[in-house]
Protein backbone atom coordinates (compact mmCIF):
# COMPACT_ATOMS: atom_id res chain seq x y z
CA MET A 1 200.86 66.29 22.45
CA GLN A 2 203.70 66.52 19.94
CA GLY A 3 204.25 62.76 20.10
CA TRP A 4 200.61 62.03 19.18
CA ARG A 5 200.74 64.48 16.27
CA GLN A 6 203.91 62.85 14.98
CA PHE A 7 202.33 59.38 15.29
CA ARG A 8 199.20 60.59 13.45
CA THR A 9 201.31 62.09 10.66
CA PHE A 10 203.24 58.81 10.35
CA CYS A 11 199.97 56.87 10.06
CA GLU A 12 198.58 59.32 7.48
CA VAL A 13 201.70 59.06 5.31
CA LYS A 14 201.84 55.27 5.61
CA SER A 15 198.16 54.86 4.72
CA GLU A 16 198.52 57.20 1.73
CA LYS A 17 201.54 55.24 0.51
CA LEU A 18 199.61 51.96 0.79
CA LYS A 19 196.48 53.57 -0.73
CA ARG A 20 194.48 52.97 2.46
CA ASP A 21 191.73 55.06 4.01
CA PHE A 22 192.82 56.94 7.15
CA ARG A 23 190.21 58.51 9.43
CA VAL A 24 190.47 60.52 12.62
CA ILE A 25 187.61 60.76 15.09
CA ASP A 26 186.97 63.67 17.44
CA ARG A 27 188.74 63.28 20.77
CA TRP A 28 185.49 64.18 22.55
CA GLU A 29 183.45 61.44 20.84
CA PRO A 30 181.49 59.76 23.69
CA THR A 31 182.61 56.23 22.76
CA SER A 32 182.21 54.76 26.26
CA GLN A 33 178.83 56.42 26.83
CA ILE A 34 176.88 54.73 24.01
CA CYS A 35 175.92 51.06 23.59
CA SER A 36 177.80 49.65 20.60
CA GLY A 37 175.00 47.14 20.03
CA CYS A 38 171.96 49.41 19.72
CA GLY A 39 173.22 52.99 20.13
CA TYR A 40 171.41 53.64 23.42
CA PRO A 41 173.10 56.59 25.21
CA TRP A 42 174.11 55.61 28.75
CA GLY A 43 175.53 58.99 29.59
CA LYS A 44 178.55 59.60 31.78
CA ILE A 45 179.64 56.61 33.84
CA ASP A 46 182.22 56.65 36.64
CA LEU A 47 185.60 55.26 35.55
CA SER A 48 185.46 52.63 38.29
CA VAL A 49 182.51 50.99 36.50
CA ARG A 50 184.05 48.49 34.09
CA SER A 51 180.94 46.90 32.58
CA VAL A 52 177.45 48.10 31.73
CA LEU A 53 174.19 46.28 31.06
CA CYS A 54 172.31 48.22 28.37
CA LEU A 55 168.79 49.22 29.42
CA ASN A 56 167.61 49.07 25.82
CA CYS A 57 168.98 45.79 24.38
CA ASN A 58 170.18 44.00 27.58
CA THR A 59 173.71 43.60 26.20
CA LEU A 60 176.38 43.22 28.88
CA ALA A 61 179.34 45.24 27.65
CA ASP A 62 182.87 45.72 28.93
CA ARG A 63 183.51 49.47 28.98
CA ASP A 64 186.78 49.34 26.99
CA GLU A 65 185.58 46.79 24.43
CA ASN A 66 182.39 48.79 23.92
CA ALA A 67 184.41 51.98 23.37
CA ALA A 68 186.69 50.18 20.88
CA GLN A 69 183.67 48.95 18.91
CA ASN A 70 182.21 52.47 18.87
CA ILE A 71 185.53 53.91 17.68
CA GLU A 72 185.57 51.35 14.87
CA MET A 73 181.98 52.23 13.88
CA VAL A 74 182.68 55.98 13.87
CA GLY A 75 185.88 55.42 11.91
CA MET A 76 184.03 53.33 9.33
CA GLY A 77 181.35 55.99 8.97
CA HIS A 78 178.62 54.09 10.87
CA ARG A 79 177.10 55.53 14.02
CA HIS A 80 174.01 54.98 16.15
CA ASP A 81 173.91 58.54 17.41
CA LEU A 82 170.46 59.98 16.62
CA LYS A 83 171.79 63.48 16.09
CA TRP A 84 173.70 62.14 13.07
CA THR A 85 170.96 59.92 11.66
CA GLY A 86 168.48 62.74 11.36
CA SER A 87 165.82 61.02 13.45
CA ASP A 88 163.55 63.42 15.28
CA CYS A 89 162.41 60.77 17.77
CA LYS A 90 162.48 61.96 21.37
CA THR A 91 162.00 60.10 24.63
CA VAL A 92 158.53 60.87 25.90
CA SER A 93 158.59 59.40 29.38
CA THR A 94 160.95 59.94 32.27
CA ALA A 95 162.36 57.27 34.54
CA SER A 96 160.54 56.55 37.76
CA TYR A 97 162.40 57.21 41.02
CA CYS A 98 162.04 53.53 41.95
CA GLU A 99 163.63 52.14 38.76
CA LEU A 100 166.94 50.46 39.46
CA SER A 101 170.15 51.32 37.68
CA ARG A 102 171.41 48.58 35.35
CA ILE A 103 175.07 49.62 35.61
CA THR A 104 177.05 46.62 36.84
CA ASP A 105 180.56 45.72 37.81
CA LEU A 106 181.83 42.28 36.75
CA GLN A 107 184.77 42.30 39.18
CA GLY A 108 182.48 42.78 42.18
CA ARG A 109 183.99 46.06 43.30
C-alpha cells in the first residue's frame, strides 16, 4: 500500500504545481456495478463476465470500459447514483422468475 500512497502524493503535488484539480474516489465505489450510460445499478457481477447489456437502456458495455467511464464521472463530480441525487424514487415491482438475465459475454465463454 505504501507504493500507492507515494504515487498519490506525487500526483497531488504535481497537480498543485500545475494548478490542476486532483480528486480521489472511494476505493469501494461500485464502478463496475452501475451502467455508465443511464446509471442503472446492475449489482455484483462475477469477474468472468466481461460485458453487460443494460436492462434499462440496452447499452452493451465492456466491464472495464464501463468502470473507467464511471470513475471519470465520479471524479468530475457527476454521478447517476440515486442516493447522491436525492431522488426518492423506488422500484415498485419485482422481477418475475421467468425473466431472463441480460448479462452477456462477448468472448463466448
